[in-house]
Amino acid sequence: MAKKGKYLPAEERRAVIVETVLALAAEGNPSEITTAAIADRMGLTQGALFRHFPSKDAIWEAVMMWVSERLLERTDKASLSASNPLEGLEAVFSSHISFIAEYPGVPGIFFGELQRSEESPARKQARTLMEKYGGRILRMLDAGKKAGLIDEKVESRVAAGLFIGIIQGLVLQSHLSGTAASVSRNAAGVFALFRRGIAAGERS
């Protein structure tokens, strides 16, 4: 965590602003977060906030860049630790779920940006993250087929979309139940069903 305080180097101050947005998003509707709320939580004036970011859109872009970098870094590390592509998919899934559990405000920010009708730097970042993440899952599925671990009849693009959709569904369920912990609690069982559906020789 970046240090908090009134006198920080510019880079650390920007990091604290991003962390503050993530914390506020975990407490309520991200679309309702104002620059005044961010500044108030940090004990700053809005003028001080805008010395580090020229606009609210710039803050949200920085938040989405942070999310993209951390999520891809974490899931890439998880996939590399696995012994084969099928185990890699499970490692990525578990890593992604852990990331959401650690930063529960991230899904709201992410989906909020994708739902915006107008283009914005943050929305571009969100779309780019989806493309990069989906591409990684697609390559792992294809590698699993080549290794004989995933059924050749499985359509990789459909399975990749389902993989992402499962995570989104778990997030939605957690919001409906009002219990963030349910994301992690139900993850293993849901992935087991997904694995059974794609793995060679595992479907009945």
Protein backbone atom coordinates (compact mmCIF):
# COMPACT_ATOMS: atom_id res chain seq x y z
CA MET A 1 0.00 0.00 0.00
CA ALA A 2 1.18 3.47 -0.74
CA LYS A 3 1.86 5.68 2.25
CA LYS A 4 -0.80 8.19 3.25
CA GLY A 5 -0.17 11.73 4.33
CA LYS A 6 -0.39 15.31 3.14
CA TYR A 7 3.17 15.48 1.83
CA LEU A 8 4.02 12.72 -0.61
CA PRO A 9 5.96 12.58 -3.89
CA ALA A 10 3.71 12.97 -6.95
CA GLU A 11 3.90 9.30 -7.97
CA GLU A 12 2.98 8.11 -4.48
CA ARG A 13 0.17 10.64 -4.26
CA ARG A 14 -1.29 9.34 -7.53
CA ALA A 15 -1.07 5.78 -6.19
CA VAL A 16 -2.94 6.81 -3.04
CA ILE A 17 -5.65 8.46 -5.15
CA VAL A 18 -6.12 5.20 -7.09
CA GLU A 19 -6.28 3.22 -3.83
CA THR A 20 -8.83 5.67 -2.46
CA VAL A 21 -11.09 5.21 -5.49
CA LEU A 22 -10.86 1.42 -5.08
CA ALA A 23 -11.77 1.71 -1.40
CA LEU A 24 -14.75 3.98 -2.11
CA ALA A 25 -15.92 1.65 -4.90
CA ALA A 26 -15.95 -1.24 -2.44
CA GLU A 27 -18.27 0.74 -0.16
CA GLY A 28 -20.88 1.89 -2.67
CA ASN A 29 -21.82 2.55 -6.29
CA PRO A 30 -18.64 3.52 -8.20
CA SER A 31 -20.65 5.74 -10.57
CA GLU A 32 -21.58 7.93 -7.61
CA ILE A 33 -17.97 8.57 -6.54
CA THR A 34 -17.15 12.26 -6.94
CA THR A 35 -13.83 14.05 -6.89
CA ALA A 36 -15.10 15.82 -3.77
CA ALA A 37 -15.57 12.43 -2.06
CA ILE A 38 -12.08 11.32 -3.08
CA ALA A 39 -10.50 14.53 -1.83
CA ASP A 40 -12.49 14.39 1.41
CA ARG A 41 -11.41 10.80 2.12
CA MET A 42 -7.79 11.81 1.59
CA GLY A 43 -8.04 15.01 3.61
CA LEU A 44 -7.25 17.16 0.57
CA THR A 45 -8.93 19.91 -1.39
CA GLN A 46 -10.20 19.19 -4.89
CA GLY A 47 -7.60 21.64 -6.14
CA ALA A 48 -4.85 19.48 -4.65
CA LEU A 49 -6.41 16.41 -6.27
CA PHE A 50 -6.43 18.06 -9.70
CA ARG A 51 -2.76 18.91 -9.40
CA HIS A 52 -2.12 15.20 -9.87
CA PHE A 53 -4.89 14.40 -12.35
CA PRO A 54 -6.37 17.02 -14.70
CA SER A 55 -9.89 15.54 -14.62
CA LYS A 56 -12.10 12.82 -13.17
CA ASP A 57 -11.73 10.88 -16.43
CA ALA A 58 -7.96 10.91 -15.94
CA ILE A 59 -8.39 9.46 -12.45
CA TRP A 60 -10.63 6.68 -13.76
CA GLU A 61 -8.16 5.94 -16.55
CA ALA A 62 -5.39 5.56 -13.96
CA VAL A 63 -7.61 3.25 -11.91
CA MET A 64 -8.34 1.04 -14.94
CA MET A 65 -4.64 0.98 -15.87
CA TRP A 66 -3.84 -0.13 -12.32
CA VAL A 67 -6.49 -2.86 -12.46
CA SER A 68 -5.31 -4.09 -15.85
CA GLU A 69 -1.66 -4.23 -14.90
CA ARG A 70 -2.23 -5.96 -11.55
CA LEU A 71 -4.81 -8.47 -12.77
CA LEU A 72 -2.82 -9.54 -15.84
CA GLU A 73 0.39 -9.72 -13.83
CA ARG A 74 -1.25 -11.87 -11.17
CA THR A 75 -3.02 -14.22 -13.57
CA ASP A 76 0.04 -14.57 -15.80
CA LYS A 77 2.10 -15.58 -12.79
CA ALA A 78 -0.57 -18.11 -11.81
CA SER A 79 -0.68 -19.68 -15.26
CA LEU A 80 3.11 -20.03 -15.39
CA SER A 81 3.09 -21.91 -12.09
CA ALA A 82 0.78 -24.62 -13.50
CA SER A 83 2.05 -27.91 -14.92
CA ASN A 84 -0.26 -27.93 -17.95
CA PRO A 85 -2.83 -25.70 -19.74
CA LEU A 86 -5.87 -27.21 -17.99
CA GLU A 87 -4.32 -26.69 -14.58
CA GLY A 88 -3.30 -23.26 -15.80
CA LEU A 89 -6.92 -22.33 -16.49
CA GLU A 90 -7.83 -23.30 -12.94
CA ALA A 91 -4.88 -21.32 -11.55
CA VAL A 92 -5.93 -18.24 -13.53
CA PHE A 93 -9.53 -18.65 -12.39
CA SER A 94 -8.52 -18.94 -8.73
CA SER A 95 -6.13 -16.00 -9.04
CA HIS A 96 -8.81 -13.83 -10.61
CA ILE A 97 -11.31 -14.73 -7.89
CA SER A 98 -8.72 -13.90 -5.22
CA PHE A 99 -8.11 -10.54 -6.89
CA ILE A 100 -11.83 -9.72 -6.79
CA ALA A 101 -12.06 -10.79 -3.15
CA GLU A 102 -9.13 -8.51 -2.32
CA TYR A 103 -10.48 -5.57 -4.34
CA PRO A 104 -14.30 -5.94 -4.30
CA GLY A 105 -14.82 -2.52 -5.83
CA VAL A 106 -13.06 -3.44 -9.08
CA PRO A 107 -15.97 -5.22 -10.85
CA GLY A 108 -18.27 -2.26 -10.31
CA ILE A 109 -15.74 0.15 -11.77
CA PHE A 110 -15.00 -2.17 -14.68
CA PHE A 111 -18.61 -2.85 -15.67
CA GLY A 112 -19.53 0.75 -15.10
CA GLU A 113 -16.98 1.86 -17.67
CA LEU A 114 -18.04 -0.76 -20.23
CA GLN A 115 -21.67 0.37 -19.89
CA ARG A 116 -20.91 4.01 -20.57
CA SER A 117 -22.44 5.15 -23.86
CA GLU A 118 -19.71 7.70 -24.53
CA GLU A 119 -16.10 6.79 -25.21
CA SER A 120 -13.56 7.56 -22.52
CA PRO A 121 -9.92 6.68 -21.79
CA ALA A 122 -11.05 4.40 -18.93
CA ARG A 123 -13.54 2.62 -21.20
CA LYS A 124 -10.77 2.02 -23.73
CA GLN A 125 -8.63 0.57 -20.97
CA ALA A 126 -11.47 -1.72 -19.89
CA ARG A 127 -11.99 -3.00 -23.43
CA THR A 128 -8.27 -3.55 -23.91
CA LEU A 129 -8.14 -5.52 -20.67
CA MET A 130 -11.01 -7.73 -21.86
CA GLU A 131 -9.24 -8.35 -25.17
CA LYS A 132 -5.91 -9.20 -23.55
CA TYR A 133 -7.48 -11.38 -20.88
CA GLY A 134 -9.72 -13.19 -23.34
CA GLY A 135 -6.76 -13.78 -25.65
CA ARG A 136 -4.81 -15.41 -22.85
CA ILE A 137 -7.69 -17.75 -22.01
CA LEU A 138 -8.17 -18.61 -25.68
CA ARG A 139 -4.49 -19.53 -26.10
CA MET A 140 -4.59 -21.73 -23.00
CA LEU A 141 -7.65 -23.55 -24.30
CA ASP A 142 -6.00 -24.18 -27.67
CA ALA A 143 -2.83 -25.37 -25.92
CA GLY A 144 -4.94 -27.72 -23.84
CA LYS A 145 -6.43 -29.21 -27.00
CA LYS A 146 -3.00 -29.77 -28.52
CA ALA A 147 -1.90 -31.48 -25.31
CA GLY A 148 -4.92 -33.77 -25.41
CA LEU A 149 -6.28 -32.38 -22.15
CA ILE A 150 -9.26 -30.52 -23.59
CA ASP A 151 -11.88 -32.10 -25.84
CA GLU A 152 -11.20 -31.20 -29.47
CA LYS A 153 -14.92 -30.59 -30.03
CA VAL A 154 -14.92 -27.70 -27.55
CA GLU A 155 -15.14 -24.36 -29.36
CA SER A 156 -12.34 -22.36 -27.81
CA ARG A 157 -13.94 -18.94 -28.28
CA VAL A 158 -17.20 -20.11 -26.75
CA ALA A 159 -15.35 -21.70 -23.83
CA ALA A 160 -13.28 -18.55 -23.29
CA GLY A 161 -16.47 -16.48 -23.17
CA LEU A 162 -17.99 -18.94 -20.73
CA PHE A 163 -14.87 -18.79 -18.53
CA ILE A 164 -15.19 -15.02 -18.23
CA GLY A 165 -18.96 -15.24 -17.88
CA ILE A 166 -18.66 -17.61 -14.93
CA ILE A 167 -16.55 -15.08 -13.05
CA GLN A 168 -19.01 -12.32 -13.90
CA GLY A 169 -21.85 -14.53 -12.66
CA LEU A 170 -20.12 -15.15 -9.36
CA VAL A 171 -19.65 -11.41 -8.93
CA LEU A 172 -23.33 -10.79 -9.68
CA GLN A 173 -24.39 -13.45 -7.17
CA SER A 174 -22.21 -11.87 -4.50
CA HIS A 175 -23.85 -8.48 -5.12
CA LEU A 176 -27.32 -9.98 -4.95
CA SER A 177 -26.54 -11.81 -1.72
CA GLY A 178 -24.73 -8.82 -0.25
CA THR A 179 -21.86 -11.09 0.76
CA ALA A 180 -18.54 -10.50 -1.00
CA ALA A 181 -17.17 -13.72 0.48
CA SER A 182 -19.57 -15.75 -1.65
CA VAL A 183 -17.37 -15.10 -4.69
CA SER A 184 -14.60 -17.22 -3.19
CA ARG A 185 -16.89 -19.68 -1.43
CA ASN A 186 -18.62 -20.85 -4.63
CA ALA A 187 -15.67 -20.56 -7.02
CA ALA A 188 -14.17 -24.05 -6.68
CA GLY A 189 -17.45 -25.86 -7.30
CA VAL A 190 -18.34 -23.72 -10.29
CA PHE A 191 -14.94 -24.20 -11.91
CA ALA A 192 -15.20 -27.96 -11.37
CA LEU A 193 -18.35 -27.94 -13.52
CA PHE A 194 -16.61 -25.88 -16.20
CA ARG A 195 -13.63 -28.22 -16.21
CA ARG A 196 -15.84 -31.27 -16.51
CA GLY A 197 -17.47 -29.70 -19.55
CA ILE A 198 -14.26 -29.07 -21.48
CA ALA A 199 -11.77 -31.71 -20.33
CA ALA A 200 -11.06 -34.67 -22.59
CA GLY A 201 -12.51 -37.87 -21.13
CA GLU A 202 -14.16 -36.15 -18.15
CA ARG A 203 -17.67 -35.63 -19.54
CA SER A 204 -20.25 -38.32 -18.93
